[in-house]
Protein backbone atom coordinates (compact mmCIF):
# COMPACT_ATOMS: atom_id res chain seq x y z
CA UNK A 1 -2.65 -42.84 125.87
CA UNK A 2 0.87 -43.52 124.54
CA UNK A 3 3.15 -45.88 126.48
CA UNK A 4 6.81 -46.99 126.27
CA UNK A 5 7.41 -46.32 122.58
CA UNK A 6 11.06 -46.00 121.61
CA UNK A 7 13.09 -45.25 119.64
CA UNK A 8 11.44 -42.25 118.05
CA UNK A 9 8.71 -41.80 120.61
CA UNK A 10 8.15 -38.12 119.78
CA UNK A 11 7.76 -38.97 116.08
CA UNK A 12 5.21 -41.65 116.95
CA UNK A 13 3.21 -39.16 119.05
CA UNK A 14 3.32 -36.70 116.14
CA UNK A 15 2.20 -39.45 113.75
CA UNK A 16 -0.67 -40.43 116.05
CA UNK A 17 -1.79 -36.79 116.34
CA UNK A 18 -1.69 -36.34 112.55
CA UNK A 19 -3.59 -39.57 111.95
CA UNK A 20 -6.36 -38.73 114.42
CA UNK A 21 -6.68 -35.26 112.89
CA UNK A 22 -6.98 -36.84 109.43
CA UNK A 23 -9.79 -39.15 110.54
CA UNK A 24 -11.61 -36.29 112.29
CA UNK A 25 -11.36 -34.09 109.17
CA UNK A 26 -13.55 -36.38 107.03
CA UNK A 27 -16.71 -34.47 106.08
CA UNK A 28 -19.85 -35.58 107.94
CA UNK A 29 -17.78 -37.90 110.12
CA UNK A 30 -18.74 -38.20 113.75
CA UNK A 31 -15.36 -39.48 114.95
CA UNK A 32 -13.60 -37.40 117.59
CA UNK A 33 -10.36 -38.13 119.40
CA UNK A 34 -9.23 -36.62 122.68
CA UNK A 35 -5.76 -37.29 124.03
CA UNK A 36 -5.70 -38.46 127.64
CA UNK A 37 -2.76 -39.31 129.86
CA UNK A 38 -4.32 -42.06 131.97
CA UNK A 39 -4.76 -45.37 130.18
CA UNK A 40 -7.96 -46.18 132.08
CA UNK A 41 -9.53 -43.10 130.42
CA UNK A 42 -8.49 -44.12 126.89
CA UNK A 43 -10.61 -45.90 124.30
CA UNK A 44 -7.51 -46.60 122.19
CA UNK A 45 -4.18 -47.11 123.87
CA UNK A 46 -0.88 -47.06 121.94
CA UNK A 47 1.87 -49.33 123.29
CA UNK A 48 5.27 -50.68 122.41
CA UNK A 49 5.02 -54.33 121.42
CA UNK A 50 6.59 -55.65 124.60
CA UNK A 51 4.82 -58.44 126.49
CA UNK A 52 4.52 -56.56 129.77
CA UNK A 53 2.39 -53.90 128.05
CA UNK A 54 -0.52 -56.26 127.34
CA UNK A 55 -2.81 -58.43 129.42
CA UNK A 56 -2.85 -62.12 128.51
CA UNK A 57 -6.12 -61.54 126.65
CA UNK A 58 -4.20 -59.31 124.21
CA UNK A 59 -0.95 -61.27 124.08
CA UNK A 60 -1.01 -61.36 120.25
CA UNK A 61 -0.37 -57.61 120.30
CA UNK A 62 3.14 -58.21 121.72
CA UNK A 63 6.34 -59.39 120.06
CA UNK A 64 5.43 -58.42 116.51
CA UNK A 65 7.40 -59.79 113.57
CA UNK A 66 10.30 -57.54 112.54
CA UNK A 67 8.43 -56.98 109.24
CA UNK A 68 5.30 -55.62 110.95
CA UNK A 69 5.42 -51.92 111.84
CA UNK A 70 2.26 -51.99 114.00
CA UNK A 71 -0.90 -53.97 114.75
CA UNK A 72 -4.33 -52.86 115.88
CA UNK A 73 -7.05 -54.60 117.81
CA UNK A 74 -10.39 -54.77 116.01
CA UNK A 75 -13.68 -53.78 117.65
CA UNK A 76 -15.16 -56.33 120.01
CA UNK A 77 -18.46 -56.46 121.90
CA UNK A 78 -19.64 -53.09 120.59
CA UNK A 79 -16.44 -51.25 121.54
CA UNK A 80 -13.75 -49.90 119.24
CA UNK A 81 -10.43 -51.72 119.10
CA UNK A 82 -8.67 -51.16 122.41
CA UNK A 83 -4.98 -51.24 121.47
CA UNK A 84 -2.47 -50.32 118.83
CA UNK A 85 0.88 -52.03 119.24
CA UNK A 86 3.94 -50.28 117.78
CA UNK A 87 6.95 -52.40 116.91
CA UNK A 88 10.13 -51.05 118.50
CA UNK A 89 12.12 -53.62 116.46
CA UNK A 90 10.63 -52.98 113.02
CA UNK A 91 13.30 -53.49 110.37
CA UNK A 92 11.73 -51.36 107.64
CA UNK A 93 11.82 -47.62 107.04
CA UNK A 94 10.49 -45.72 110.03
CA UNK A 95 10.37 -42.25 108.55
CA UNK A 96 7.83 -39.85 110.00
CA UNK A 97 5.76 -40.28 106.82
CA UNK A 98 5.67 -44.07 107.25
CA UNK A 99 4.71 -43.68 110.89
CA UNK A 100 1.84 -41.38 109.88
CA UNK A 101 0.65 -43.83 107.21
CA UNK A 102 0.85 -46.70 109.66
CA UNK A 103 -1.11 -44.90 112.39
CA UNK A 104 -3.78 -43.77 109.91
CA UNK A 105 -4.14 -47.40 108.78
CA UNK A 106 -4.11 -48.96 112.27
CA UNK A 107 -6.65 -46.46 113.61
CA UNK A 108 -8.87 -47.56 110.72
CA UNK A 109 -8.68 -51.13 112.04
CA UNK A 110 -9.67 -50.01 115.56
CA UNK A 111 -12.74 -48.42 113.96
CA UNK A 112 -13.61 -51.70 112.24
CA UNK A 113 -12.16 -51.29 108.75
CA UNK A 114 -10.53 -54.32 107.17
CA UNK A 115 -7.94 -54.22 104.37
CA UNK A 116 -9.75 -52.95 101.29
CA UNK A 117 -7.75 -55.44 99.19
CA UNK A 118 -8.46 -58.32 101.59
CA UNK A 119 -10.29 -60.47 99.04
CA UNK A 120 -7.54 -60.01 96.45
CA UNK A 121 -4.94 -60.88 99.12
CA UNK A 122 -6.86 -64.02 100.13
CA UNK A 123 -7.69 -62.92 103.67
CA UNK A 124 -10.28 -65.01 105.48
CA UNK A 125 -13.77 -63.58 105.96
CA UNK A 126 -13.63 -64.49 109.64
CA UNK A 127 -10.41 -64.82 111.60
CA UNK A 128 -9.33 -65.27 115.18
CA UNK A 129 -7.06 -63.15 117.26
CA UNK A 130 -6.09 -63.82 120.85
CA UNK A 131 -8.89 -61.54 122.11
CA UNK A 132 -11.71 -62.97 119.96
CA UNK A 133 -12.99 -63.75 116.47
CA UNK A 134 -13.39 -61.02 113.87
CA UNK A 135 -16.41 -61.65 111.65
CA UNK A 136 -17.18 -60.37 108.19
CA UNK A 137 -15.49 -58.92 105.18
CA UNK A 138 -18.06 -56.64 103.63
CA UNK A 139 -17.50 -53.78 101.25
CA UNK A 140 -19.61 -50.73 101.81
CA UNK A 141 -21.94 -49.90 98.94
CA UNK A 142 -20.23 -47.66 96.42
CA UNK A 143 -16.68 -48.59 97.41
CA UNK A 144 -14.45 -50.72 95.14
CA UNK A 145 -12.95 -54.09 96.16
CA UNK A 146 -9.42 -52.83 95.60
CA UNK A 147 -8.84 -49.08 95.94
CA UNK A 148 -5.20 -48.63 94.95
CA UNK A 149 -4.83 -45.49 97.08
CA UNK A 150 -6.85 -46.50 100.14
CA UNK A 151 -5.26 -45.97 103.53
CA UNK A 152 -6.73 -49.38 104.35
CA UNK A 153 -4.82 -51.18 101.59
CA UNK A 154 -2.46 -53.69 103.12
CA UNK A 155 1.02 -52.12 103.30
CA UNK A 156 2.30 -48.54 103.46
CA UNK A 157 0.93 -47.08 100.26
CA UNK A 158 -0.76 -43.75 100.70
CA UNK A 159 -0.41 -40.55 102.68
CA UNK A 160 -4.06 -39.54 102.90
CA UNK A 161 -7.51 -41.05 103.15
CA UNK A 162 -8.80 -41.74 99.64
CA UNK A 163 -12.17 -40.60 98.31
CA UNK A 164 -13.46 -44.13 98.91
CA UNK A 165 -12.06 -44.21 102.44
CA UNK A 166 -14.05 -41.07 103.14
CA UNK A 167 -17.23 -42.61 101.68
CA UNK A 168 -16.85 -45.59 103.99
């Protein structure tokens, strides 16, 4: 479900639809997305980053820094990440292409993917968010530690899922 995203709400919905289609199009992938209108039916819910949109357990999803376009919740307790927060006050370029890249990347986090350049960027193996601790920083066999064109590289770098993204 998509809630209270402005300005550019229609572009964000388009970006979300493109990103989910991209993930579904990976060969031999068993990921399927279905758009629902009721939040209680959604596995992933997209929200503006305003405090009233999140329960206290997910308070870190609200009030994002003006340099953060979006943030995703990671999987917890066997479930995919529940929320993607979209920053209505982002001060960078919010072209439709950047929105698509961002949604592709954030959906990857909800599925459990970390930044593929996390080690090079000095990210901790385990880290805490308001809703729990995220454990592990493991590369999948056959994928490089720093794929320059990965959708999971930190930042807005690529338009499509790389060959290594698709392997993962």
